[in-house]
């Protein structure tokens, strides 16, 4: 009798906690550079630790509409930097299993380009896009 494996990704491991504890799912690895600090997840190895060259973080960005003034942009950047670097905010995010760090507009643009190139390369090398397309037929 054959079994099957389902793979899924999660932006926040906290949403998986009850499923992990009940045994309905098993976490195979962490795609981020570091292990999770969320209680109950500390022993899950990263994919890199397992010899699988996967290092990909989920990230969120905040965009402003085109045409805002430099003063408005500067105020928005300063406010976001203060919020994201606030120790209580960081603690709350870590309790949800998410590490946060502030990146300014230039640094984030570089990260965006770098991650996009890495993901594009992975998609091409693995053939996953073709596999998904063939399943939709």
Protein backbone atom coordinates (compact mmCIF):
# COMPACT_ATOMS: atom_id res chain seq x y z
CA UNK A 1 0.00 0.00 0.00
CA UNK A 2 1.65 3.25 -1.13
CA UNK A 3 1.65 6.52 0.72
CA UNK A 4 2.09 10.01 -0.57
CA UNK A 5 3.96 13.09 0.45
CA UNK A 6 2.55 16.57 0.29
CA UNK A 7 4.86 19.52 0.44
CA UNK A 8 3.87 22.95 1.59
CA UNK A 9 5.54 26.17 2.54
CA UNK A 10 4.51 28.52 5.30
CA UNK A 11 5.25 32.18 5.76
CA UNK A 12 4.79 31.89 9.52
CA UNK A 13 5.65 28.62 11.23
CA UNK A 14 3.39 29.58 14.15
CA UNK A 15 0.33 28.68 12.04
CA UNK A 16 1.68 25.12 11.75
CA UNK A 17 2.37 24.63 15.44
CA UNK A 18 -0.79 22.69 16.37
CA UNK A 19 -0.38 20.42 13.32
CA UNK A 20 3.25 19.70 14.22
CA UNK A 21 2.31 18.97 17.84
CA UNK A 22 -0.56 16.66 16.80
CA UNK A 23 1.68 14.85 14.29
CA UNK A 24 -0.46 15.60 11.23
CA UNK A 25 2.51 17.24 9.55
CA UNK A 26 6.27 16.96 9.86
CA UNK A 27 8.60 19.81 9.01
CA UNK A 28 11.41 18.63 6.75
CA UNK A 29 13.55 21.74 6.85
CA UNK A 30 13.84 25.48 7.15
CA UNK A 31 14.50 27.34 3.90
CA UNK A 32 15.88 30.38 5.70
CA UNK A 33 19.57 30.85 6.48
CA UNK A 34 19.07 30.21 10.22
CA UNK A 35 17.07 27.78 12.32
CA UNK A 36 13.81 28.98 13.82
CA UNK A 37 13.79 30.34 17.37
CA UNK A 38 10.09 29.54 17.88
CA UNK A 39 9.64 27.13 20.83
CA UNK A 40 9.17 23.60 19.52
CA UNK A 41 10.87 24.35 16.20
CA UNK A 42 14.47 24.91 17.34
CA UNK A 43 15.58 21.41 16.35
CA UNK A 44 14.36 21.61 12.75
CA UNK A 45 17.52 21.81 10.60
CA UNK A 46 17.91 24.23 7.74
CA UNK A 47 18.01 22.72 4.25
CA UNK A 48 21.63 23.92 3.95
CA UNK A 49 22.53 21.92 7.06
CA UNK A 50 21.10 18.88 5.28
CA UNK A 51 23.24 19.46 2.21
CA UNK A 52 20.42 20.92 0.10
CA UNK A 53 21.37 24.26 -1.41
CA UNK A 54 18.20 26.14 -0.48
CA UNK A 55 18.42 29.49 1.24
CA UNK A 56 15.35 31.58 0.65
CA UNK A 57 13.58 33.92 3.02
CA UNK A 58 10.08 35.25 2.79
CA UNK A 59 10.06 39.01 3.04
CA UNK A 60 7.52 41.77 2.97
CA UNK A 61 7.89 45.26 1.69
CA UNK A 62 5.98 48.48 1.95
CA UNK A 63 5.67 50.60 -1.17
CA UNK A 64 4.63 54.21 -1.47
CA UNK A 65 2.78 55.69 -4.42
CA UNK A 66 4.81 57.31 -7.16
CA UNK A 67 5.09 61.04 -6.88
CA UNK A 68 5.25 61.44 -3.10
CA UNK A 69 7.52 64.25 -2.02
CA UNK A 70 11.02 63.59 -0.71
CA UNK A 71 9.92 64.92 2.69
CA UNK A 72 6.99 62.48 2.82
CA UNK A 73 9.26 59.63 1.72
CA UNK A 74 11.85 60.50 4.38
CA UNK A 75 9.16 60.65 7.09
CA UNK A 76 7.75 57.29 6.01
CA UNK A 77 11.20 55.67 5.96
CA UNK A 78 12.07 57.04 9.42
CA UNK A 79 8.76 55.87 10.90
CA UNK A 80 9.11 52.36 9.47
CA UNK A 81 12.72 52.08 10.62
CA UNK A 82 11.67 53.06 14.14
CA UNK A 83 8.75 50.61 14.19
CA UNK A 84 10.70 47.64 12.82
CA UNK A 85 13.66 48.22 15.14
CA UNK A 86 11.41 48.57 18.21
CA UNK A 87 12.32 45.76 20.67
CA UNK A 88 8.66 45.01 21.51
CA UNK A 89 7.74 44.73 17.83
CA UNK A 90 10.69 42.40 17.21
CA UNK A 91 9.74 40.27 20.23
CA UNK A 92 6.12 39.98 19.04
CA UNK A 93 7.27 38.94 15.56
CA UNK A 94 9.70 36.34 16.97
CA UNK A 95 6.84 34.86 19.02
CA UNK A 96 5.09 34.30 15.68
CA UNK A 97 8.24 32.62 14.36
CA UNK A 98 9.31 35.51 12.15
CA UNK A 99 12.57 37.36 12.42
CA UNK A 100 12.48 40.96 11.26
CA UNK A 101 15.11 43.37 10.12
CA UNK A 102 14.83 46.81 8.61
CA UNK A 103 16.18 47.43 5.12
CA UNK A 104 16.24 50.86 3.55
CA UNK A 105 15.01 51.44 -0.01
CA UNK A 106 18.41 50.99 -1.70
CA UNK A 107 19.40 47.91 0.31
CA UNK A 108 15.98 46.35 -0.26
CA UNK A 109 16.15 47.01 -4.02
CA UNK A 110 19.45 45.11 -4.14
CA UNK A 111 17.92 42.23 -2.14
CA UNK A 112 14.87 42.15 -4.45
CA UNK A 113 17.06 41.87 -7.56
CA UNK A 114 19.33 39.25 -5.94
CA UNK A 115 16.44 37.07 -4.68
CA UNK A 116 14.58 37.35 -7.99
CA UNK A 117 17.67 36.16 -9.89
CA UNK A 118 18.18 33.28 -7.43
CA UNK A 119 14.53 32.19 -7.64
CA UNK A 120 14.47 32.43 -11.45
CA UNK A 121 17.60 30.25 -11.63
CA UNK A 122 16.07 27.67 -9.26
CA UNK A 123 12.80 27.54 -11.21
CA UNK A 124 14.69 27.00 -14.48
CA UNK A 125 17.10 24.39 -13.07
CA UNK A 126 14.42 22.33 -11.35
CA UNK A 127 11.91 22.43 -14.20
CA UNK A 128 9.16 23.13 -11.68
CA UNK A 129 7.42 25.67 -13.94
CA UNK A 130 7.06 23.08 -16.70
CA UNK A 131 5.83 20.49 -14.22
CA UNK A 132 3.14 22.85 -12.92
CA UNK A 133 2.14 23.80 -16.48
CA UNK A 134 1.83 20.14 -17.51
CA UNK A 135 -0.42 19.39 -14.52
CA UNK A 136 -2.81 22.19 -15.51
CA UNK A 137 -3.51 20.64 -18.93
